[in-house]
Each structure stands twice: as C-alpha cells, then as structure tokens.
Protein backbone atom coordinates (compact mmCIF):
# COMPACT_ATOMS: atom_id res chain seq x y z
CA MET A 1 -99.18 148.62 -177.04
CA ARG A 2 -95.77 147.57 -178.44
CA ASN A 3 -93.36 145.36 -177.24
CA HIS A 4 -95.01 142.29 -177.19
CA SER A 5 -91.92 140.15 -176.77
CA LEU A 6 -91.14 141.12 -173.16
CA ASN A 7 -92.22 139.28 -170.57
CA ILE A 8 -94.98 140.47 -168.13
CA TYR A 9 -94.89 139.28 -164.39
CA ILE A 10 -97.52 139.71 -161.79
CA VAL A 11 -96.29 139.03 -158.33
CA ASP A 12 -99.56 139.66 -155.67
CA ASP A 13 -100.69 137.45 -152.70
CA ASP A 14 -104.65 138.57 -153.92
CA GLU A 15 -105.37 135.99 -156.40
CA ASP A 16 -108.50 138.65 -157.45
CA VAL A 17 -106.06 141.14 -157.98
CA ARG A 18 -104.10 138.75 -159.80
CA ARG A 19 -106.55 137.29 -162.14
CA SER A 20 -108.23 140.90 -162.31
CA LEU A 21 -104.77 141.64 -163.98
CA VAL A 22 -104.16 138.98 -166.58
CA MET A 23 -107.92 139.19 -167.74
CA LEU A 24 -106.82 142.92 -168.48
CA LEU A 25 -103.41 142.75 -169.97
CA HIS A 26 -104.01 139.21 -171.86
CA PRO A 27 -106.20 140.63 -175.22
CA GLN A 28 -102.35 142.75 -175.67
CA GLY A 29 -100.94 139.84 -176.60
CA HIS A 30 -98.46 139.57 -173.92
CA ALA A 31 -96.36 136.66 -172.35
CA ILE A 32 -98.14 137.32 -168.70
CA GLN A 33 -97.59 135.19 -165.51
CA SER A 34 -98.55 135.67 -162.00
CA PHE A 35 -96.57 134.28 -159.00
CA GLU A 36 -98.67 134.54 -155.15
CA SER A 37 -95.82 135.71 -153.80
CA GLY A 38 -91.71 137.76 -154.08
CA GLU A 39 -90.13 133.66 -153.06
CA ALA A 40 -92.08 132.32 -155.61
CA PHE A 41 -90.95 134.51 -158.67
CA LEU A 42 -87.37 134.72 -157.36
CA ALA A 43 -87.58 130.68 -157.16
CA GLN A 44 -88.51 130.79 -160.63
CA VAL A 45 -87.65 133.61 -162.73
CA ASP A 46 -83.73 134.36 -163.42
CA VAL A 47 -84.01 138.01 -162.93
CA ALA A 48 -80.71 138.72 -163.50
CA ARG A 49 -81.23 137.67 -167.37
CA GLN A 50 -85.15 137.69 -167.81
CA PRO A 51 -86.07 140.98 -169.61
CA GLY A 52 -89.49 142.78 -169.07
CA CYS A 53 -91.56 144.11 -166.24
CA VAL A 54 -92.93 143.46 -162.88
CA VAL A 55 -96.31 144.50 -161.93
CA LEU A 56 -95.45 144.19 -157.69
CA ASP A 57 -97.25 144.94 -154.95
CA LEU A 58 -95.37 146.39 -152.61
CA ARG A 59 -96.89 144.80 -149.10
CA MET A 60 -97.42 141.15 -149.67
CA GLN A 61 -97.12 137.97 -147.07
CA GLY A 62 -93.89 136.47 -146.25
CA MET A 63 -91.42 138.63 -148.44
CA SER A 64 -92.29 142.41 -148.80
CA GLY A 65 -92.46 144.14 -152.68
CA ILE A 66 -89.85 145.63 -151.12
CA GLU A 67 -87.84 143.31 -150.41
CA VAL A 68 -88.17 141.98 -153.23
CA PHE A 69 -87.18 144.91 -155.52
CA ASP A 70 -84.00 145.39 -153.75
CA GLN A 71 -83.51 141.25 -155.16
CA VAL A 72 -83.61 142.78 -158.18
CA LEU A 73 -81.98 146.22 -157.32
CA ALA A 74 -78.70 143.32 -156.33
CA ARG A 75 -78.91 141.29 -159.34
CA ARG A 76 -78.67 143.84 -161.97
CA SER A 77 -81.42 143.07 -163.29
CA PRO A 78 -83.16 145.01 -166.91
CA LEU A 79 -86.39 144.22 -165.22
CA VAL A 80 -88.51 147.37 -164.84
CA VAL A 81 -90.40 147.21 -161.64
CA LEU A 82 -93.97 148.88 -161.20
CA PHE A 83 -95.68 148.68 -157.74
CA LEU A 84 -98.93 148.25 -157.00
CA SER A 85 -99.59 150.24 -153.90
CA GLY A 86 -102.65 151.44 -151.76
CA HIS A 87 -103.24 155.30 -151.16
CA GLY A 88 -101.47 154.87 -147.92
CA ASP A 89 -98.25 153.94 -148.77
CA ILE A 90 -97.92 156.23 -151.89
CA PRO A 91 -94.90 157.84 -149.82
CA LEU A 92 -93.61 154.29 -149.34
CA ALA A 93 -93.64 153.65 -153.34
CA LEU A 94 -92.18 157.11 -154.32
CA GLU A 95 -89.26 156.20 -152.19
CA GLN A 96 -89.25 152.95 -154.75
CA VAL A 97 -88.95 154.95 -157.53
CA LYS A 98 -86.25 157.37 -155.91
CA LYS A 99 -83.95 153.75 -155.66
CA GLY A 100 -85.16 152.63 -159.30
CA ALA A 101 -88.45 151.52 -159.79
CA CYS A 102 -90.35 153.12 -163.05
CA ASP A 103 -93.40 154.27 -161.81
CA TRP A 104 -96.50 152.36 -158.77
CA ILE A 105 -100.28 152.53 -159.29
CA THR A 106 -102.46 153.55 -156.62
CA LYS A 107 -104.65 149.72 -156.37
CA PRO A 108 -107.39 149.34 -157.27
CA SER A 109 -107.44 151.77 -160.13
CA THR A 110 -106.73 149.39 -162.94
CA PRO A 111 -106.25 151.31 -166.00
CA GLN A 112 -103.88 153.03 -164.85
CA VAL A 113 -101.74 149.91 -165.52
CA LEU A 114 -102.56 150.38 -169.65
CA ALA A 115 -101.29 154.21 -168.94
CA LYS A 116 -98.31 153.68 -167.29
CA LEU A 117 -97.18 150.12 -169.26
CA GLY A 118 -96.28 151.20 -172.18
CA PRO A 119 -93.62 153.34 -170.61
CA ALA A 120 -92.44 150.93 -168.43
CA LEU A 121 -92.01 148.58 -171.43
CA GLU A 122 -90.23 150.72 -173.81
CA ARG A 123 -87.84 151.03 -171.08
CA ALA A 124 -87.56 147.89 -170.60
CA ALA A 125 -87.05 147.28 -174.03
CA GLN A 126 -84.69 149.97 -173.99
CA ARG A 127 -82.75 148.05 -170.86
CA ALA A 128 -82.64 144.65 -173.16
CA ARG A 129 -80.31 146.51 -175.55
CA ASP A 130 -78.29 148.06 -173.76
CA GLN A 131 -77.77 145.09 -171.58
CA ARG A 132 -77.11 143.19 -175.11
CA ASN A 133 -74.65 145.23 -176.18
CA TRP A 134 -72.97 145.38 -172.81
CA GLU A 135 -71.76 142.17 -173.22
CA GLN A 136 -70.47 142.72 -176.23
CA LEU A 137 -67.68 144.19 -174.64
CA THR A 138 -64.52 142.39 -173.44
CA LEU A 139 -63.36 143.31 -169.84
CA ARG A 140 -60.88 145.53 -170.43
CA GLU A 141 -63.56 147.71 -172.81
CA LYS A 142 -66.00 147.68 -169.73
CA GLU A 143 -63.18 148.98 -167.45
CA VAL A 144 -61.99 151.75 -170.55
CA THR A 145 -65.85 152.81 -170.57
CA PRO A 146 -66.60 154.39 -167.04
CA LEU A 147 -62.98 156.41 -168.13
CA LEU A 148 -64.39 157.86 -171.39
CA ALA A 149 -67.20 159.05 -170.63
CA GLN A 150 -65.39 161.59 -167.61
CA GLY A 151 -64.22 163.27 -170.81
CA LEU A 152 -60.55 161.32 -170.30
CA SER A 153 -57.72 161.62 -172.85
CA SER A 154 -57.01 158.47 -174.35
CA LYS A 155 -53.46 159.55 -172.45
CA GLU A 156 -55.01 159.99 -169.41
CA ILE A 157 -57.02 156.50 -169.78
CA ALA A 158 -53.82 154.41 -170.59
CA ARG A 159 -52.22 155.77 -167.83
CA GLN A 160 -54.70 155.12 -165.09
CA LEU A 161 -54.63 151.45 -166.85
CA VAL A 162 -53.54 148.31 -165.16
CA PRO A 163 -51.10 147.84 -166.23
CA GLU A 164 -51.12 151.02 -168.28
CA CYS A 165 -50.52 150.95 -172.58
CA GLY A 166 -49.98 153.38 -175.34
CA PHE A 167 -52.99 155.15 -175.73
CA ARG A 168 -53.60 154.63 -179.34
CA VAL A 169 -54.50 151.19 -177.43
CA VAL A 170 -56.85 152.80 -175.86
CA GLU A 171 -58.14 154.85 -178.73
CA GLY A 172 -58.97 150.78 -179.72
CA TYR A 173 -60.49 150.56 -177.18
CA ARG A 174 -62.90 153.53 -177.65
CA ALA A 175 -63.87 152.65 -181.08
CA LYS A 176 -64.97 149.37 -180.23
CA ILE A 177 -67.45 150.99 -177.41
CA PHE A 178 -68.79 152.87 -179.50
CA GLU A 179 -69.72 150.59 -182.10
CA LYS A 180 -70.03 147.66 -179.74
CA LEU A 181 -72.59 150.25 -177.70
CA MET A 182 -74.69 151.96 -181.77
CA LEU A 183 -73.30 154.78 -180.21
CA ALA A 184 -71.97 157.71 -182.03
CA ASN A 185 -69.84 160.09 -180.00
CA ALA A 186 -69.26 160.46 -176.23
CA ALA A 187 -72.44 162.44 -175.44
CA GLU A 188 -74.19 159.56 -176.07
CA LEU A 189 -71.45 157.37 -174.49
CA HIS A 190 -71.96 159.85 -171.17
CA GLY A 191 -75.40 159.12 -171.50
CA TRP A 192 -75.82 155.84 -171.77
CA VAL A 193 -73.47 155.53 -168.80
CA ALA A 194 -75.69 157.76 -166.69
CA ARG A 195 -78.72 155.02 -167.29
CA ASN A 196 -77.31 152.25 -167.13
CA ARG A 197 -75.36 152.16 -163.44
CA TRP A 198 -77.37 149.75 -162.85
CA LEU A 199 -75.62 147.24 -165.15
CA MET A 200 -71.96 148.30 -164.24
CA ASP A 201 -72.51 148.70 -161.07
CA GLY A 202 -70.35 146.02 -159.90
CA ALA A 203 -69.12 145.05 -163.00
C-alpha cells in the first residue's frame, strides 16, 4: 500500500475496534492515530489542513460519525472519510457517500479495510496536491478559475469581473492558473473544478 506519508485517523468509541485496526494497519507502515470520540478527533486534528484518511464509526456516543463528517465538510477538509457501519446502517452509510464520503466498511470485516484503504489514500494524496496547488493562486485567479471552467471567453470573463479588466489581463490569469494547477488545457481544468468543489465552495 502506498502513500505512507499520509496520516490515518481511526475514530471509534469501541476500544477493541480501535486496537484491532491499529494492529492491522501499523505493519503497513502508516502513521496512525486513534480517537475514542469525534470530539477528541476534532479537538486534536486540524482537519482543514491535515490530509489523510479517517476511518470513522457511523454510530458513537456523543458526536455521531455523521456529525463529525459534517464538520469535516464544513471546514473544507482534504481528509477522505471511510465509514464503519453495521449491516443495518448500510443505507445511512450510502447517504454519506452521496455527500462526499469515499466509501464504507461493514463491521467487523477488517479485510475490507485493507481493500478500501488503498483507493482512499490515493484520493487523499490527490486532494492534498490539489489543495497545495489551489493555495498558490491569488484571490483574483481563484475568482477567474470557475469562470474559465464554464467555458467563458477571456472577453466574457473580463466583463464579469469587478472591477472590469481587459481581456489580455484575463489571458494572463488563464496562463497562471494552468501553470499553478499543473493543467494543460480547458478540459483538464473542467475536470479539476468538478472534483474540487469541496475546496472551492465558499472560497
């Protein structure tokens, strides 16, 4: 399994589950932290800045996994979430996937963890790269990015900006955006924006 530089956070109020997951994942070479509650996790981890993967129990005493996930979303976190759920909670877990969670794992099937953690970490690594690149953009470039992704011309974008500017200025923004986001063309930009709504909403 790759992406050993990414942290894995285990959030579950069942000590046996936390221990078994740590024992399973530690030999893989990952940096692992476990938390007995959603409150402890949110208090100790800067979710807005720290990339990685969260293995999050759906039902816990205190804050539920859903409430923790809502906080992760609200803070526009790069963290990727894998939910732990019982068989009866699969519909609820599916709802969270529609909201942006990566996947879910049915307890107590630990083999699923290894199978699903790899793709989750790949997604987390991509998010971390996208976040770093996005933060290199100026505020004006961030304003122009979604307009470019809509397929608007430089002249159309120039008229929409406040204050207005010349279309050649917009073309300069376009070049910088492609360079900083490491994109080759408008099609790639469209895909970048589509997968990074989590990062851009409210920016």
